[in-house]
Amino acid sequence: MYIKVRIIVTGSMLKFIDMLKREQRLKTADIPHLARKGKKLVSDGFELRVWWDNKITPAFSISVSTSLDKRAVVRNKVKRKFKVAILELQKNEFKFRNGKYLIIVRDLKVLDTPTEELAKQIKKALSY
């Protein structure tokens, strides 16, 4: 299974298109608070923890436990797949509410799920 990542070479720099921008990434210090106090939205294979705040632009983080798989390669594939799904939703004009979003992966079956389906599941979980 492969995940498409577009790379543009400009001069001597590589630019990855399918990455979250710095302002869209959740800070490490915010993750424990969000995991405890955030609103829990459950979907197949993962759960979303959300803390809505009008002062912040939408920020995301993806958490994959080592108990699911010890290999970092597999955990990074899962994270990459979720990032692509989030970016796909943003390209399709889906507006995330301002706040913090933590995706906690509970099952590795999301690796077999197509990215479009993951995007639909995220959208469905957020439109409770």
Protein backbone atom coordinates (compact mmCIF):
# COMPACT_ATOMS: atom_id res chain seq x y z
CA MET A 1 0.00 0.00 0.00
CA TYR A 2 1.35 3.39 -0.97
CA ILE A 3 0.35 6.88 0.05
CA LYS A 4 0.79 9.62 -2.51
CA VAL A 5 3.02 12.45 -1.35
CA ARG A 6 3.80 15.16 -3.85
CA ILE A 7 7.31 16.58 -3.72
CA ILE A 8 8.43 19.71 -5.53
CA VAL A 9 12.10 20.47 -6.02
CA THR A 10 12.84 24.18 -6.06
CA GLY A 11 16.50 24.95 -6.43
CA SER A 12 18.27 23.01 -3.72
CA MET A 13 15.18 22.66 -1.48
CA LEU A 14 12.64 19.87 -1.32
CA LYS A 15 9.10 20.96 -0.54
CA PHE A 16 6.53 18.44 0.66
CA ILE A 17 3.04 19.46 -0.41
CA ASP A 18 1.08 17.02 1.75
CA MET A 19 2.26 18.28 5.13
CA LEU A 20 0.37 20.27 7.69
CA LYS A 21 1.55 23.85 7.99
CA ARG A 22 3.30 24.82 11.20
CA GLU A 23 0.30 26.80 12.46
CA GLN A 24 -1.92 23.74 11.83
CA ARG A 25 0.17 21.49 14.08
CA LEU A 26 -0.78 21.05 17.72
CA LYS A 27 1.91 21.88 20.27
CA THR A 28 3.24 18.96 22.34
CA ALA A 29 2.36 20.68 25.62
CA ASP A 30 -1.34 20.85 24.64
CA ILE A 31 -1.74 17.11 23.97
CA PRO A 32 -2.12 15.79 27.59
CA HIS A 33 -4.73 18.42 28.44
CA LEU A 34 -6.64 17.73 25.25
CA ALA A 35 -6.52 13.95 25.80
CA ARG A 36 -8.06 14.37 29.29
CA LYS A 37 -10.49 17.27 28.86
CA GLY A 38 -11.34 17.28 25.14
CA LYS A 39 -14.75 16.27 23.80
CA LYS A 40 -14.57 12.63 22.67
CA LEU A 41 -15.92 11.76 19.22
CA VAL A 42 -15.59 8.08 18.25
CA SER A 43 -15.34 6.52 14.80
CA ASP A 44 -14.19 3.18 13.39
CA GLY A 45 -10.58 2.54 14.39
CA PHE A 46 -9.92 5.99 15.88
CA GLU A 47 -11.29 8.65 18.16
CA LEU A 48 -11.16 12.41 17.96
CA ARG A 49 -10.55 14.61 20.97
CA VAL A 50 -11.69 18.16 20.29
CA TRP A 51 -11.33 21.41 22.20
CA TRP A 52 -13.06 24.26 20.40
CA ASP A 53 -11.65 27.74 20.93
CA ASN A 54 -12.42 30.76 18.75
CA LYS A 55 -9.01 32.32 19.45
CA ILE A 56 -7.04 29.53 17.75
CA THR A 57 -6.88 28.43 14.13
CA PRO A 58 -7.55 24.68 13.73
CA ALA A 59 -4.54 22.68 14.96
CA PHE A 60 -4.11 18.89 14.61
CA SER A 61 -2.08 16.09 16.12
CA ILE A 62 -2.19 12.35 15.48
CA SER A 63 -1.30 9.83 18.18
CA VAL A 64 -0.47 6.19 17.45
CA SER A 65 0.55 4.11 20.45
CA THR A 66 3.48 1.72 20.39
CA SER A 67 1.10 -0.91 21.76
CA LEU A 68 -0.53 -1.03 18.31
CA ASP A 69 2.76 -1.65 16.51
CA LYS A 70 6.33 -1.40 17.71
CA ARG A 71 7.65 -0.40 14.29
CA ALA A 72 7.91 3.35 13.72
CA VAL A 73 7.50 2.81 9.98
CA VAL A 74 3.97 1.47 10.44
CA ARG A 75 3.01 4.18 12.95
CA ASN A 76 4.29 6.88 10.59
CA LYS A 77 2.28 5.43 7.69
CA VAL A 78 -0.87 5.75 9.78
CA LYS A 79 -0.02 9.35 10.71
CA ARG A 80 0.73 10.22 7.08
CA LYS A 81 -2.58 8.74 5.98
CA PHE A 82 -4.53 10.88 8.46
CA LYS A 83 -2.62 14.02 7.45
CA VAL A 84 -3.49 13.41 3.81
CA ALA A 85 -7.15 12.89 4.77
CA ILE A 86 -7.19 16.19 6.71
CA LEU A 87 -5.59 18.06 3.81
CA GLU A 88 -8.05 16.45 1.39
CA LEU A 89 -10.96 17.69 3.51
CA GLN A 90 -9.49 21.20 3.53
CA LYS A 91 -9.06 21.13 -0.26
CA ASN A 92 -12.71 20.12 -0.61
CA GLU A 93 -13.75 23.29 1.23
CA PHE A 94 -14.59 21.57 4.53
CA LYS A 95 -14.27 24.19 7.27
CA PHE A 96 -12.90 22.93 10.56
CA ARG A 97 -14.10 24.94 13.54
CA ASN A 98 -11.39 26.90 15.34
CA GLY A 99 -9.79 24.78 18.04
CA LYS A 100 -7.53 21.85 18.77
CA TYR A 101 -7.98 18.36 17.31
CA LEU A 102 -6.26 15.20 18.55
CA ILE A 103 -6.71 11.96 16.60
CA ILE A 104 -6.01 8.87 18.69
CA VAL A 105 -5.68 5.75 16.57
CA ARG A 106 -7.16 2.68 18.29
CA ASP A 107 -6.82 0.03 15.54
CA LEU A 108 -4.42 -0.53 12.63
CA LYS A 109 -7.28 -1.44 10.29
CA VAL A 110 -7.21 2.23 9.25
CA LEU A 111 -4.18 1.32 7.13
CA ASP A 112 -6.46 -0.77 4.91
CA THR A 113 -9.06 2.01 4.71
CA PRO A 114 -8.80 4.29 1.65
CA THR A 115 -7.87 7.90 2.39
CA GLU A 116 -11.17 9.17 0.97
CA GLU A 117 -13.06 6.92 3.38
CA LEU A 118 -10.97 8.19 6.31
CA ALA A 119 -11.80 11.75 5.29
CA LYS A 120 -15.52 10.86 5.26
CA GLN A 121 -15.24 9.26 8.71
CA ILE A 122 -13.52 12.36 10.14
CA LYS A 123 -16.18 14.59 8.60
CA LYS A 124 -18.98 12.36 9.95
CA ALA A 125 -17.49 12.29 13.46
CA LEU A 126 -17.25 16.09 13.49
CA SER A 127 -20.82 16.58 12.28
CA TYR A 128 -22.39 14.73 15.20
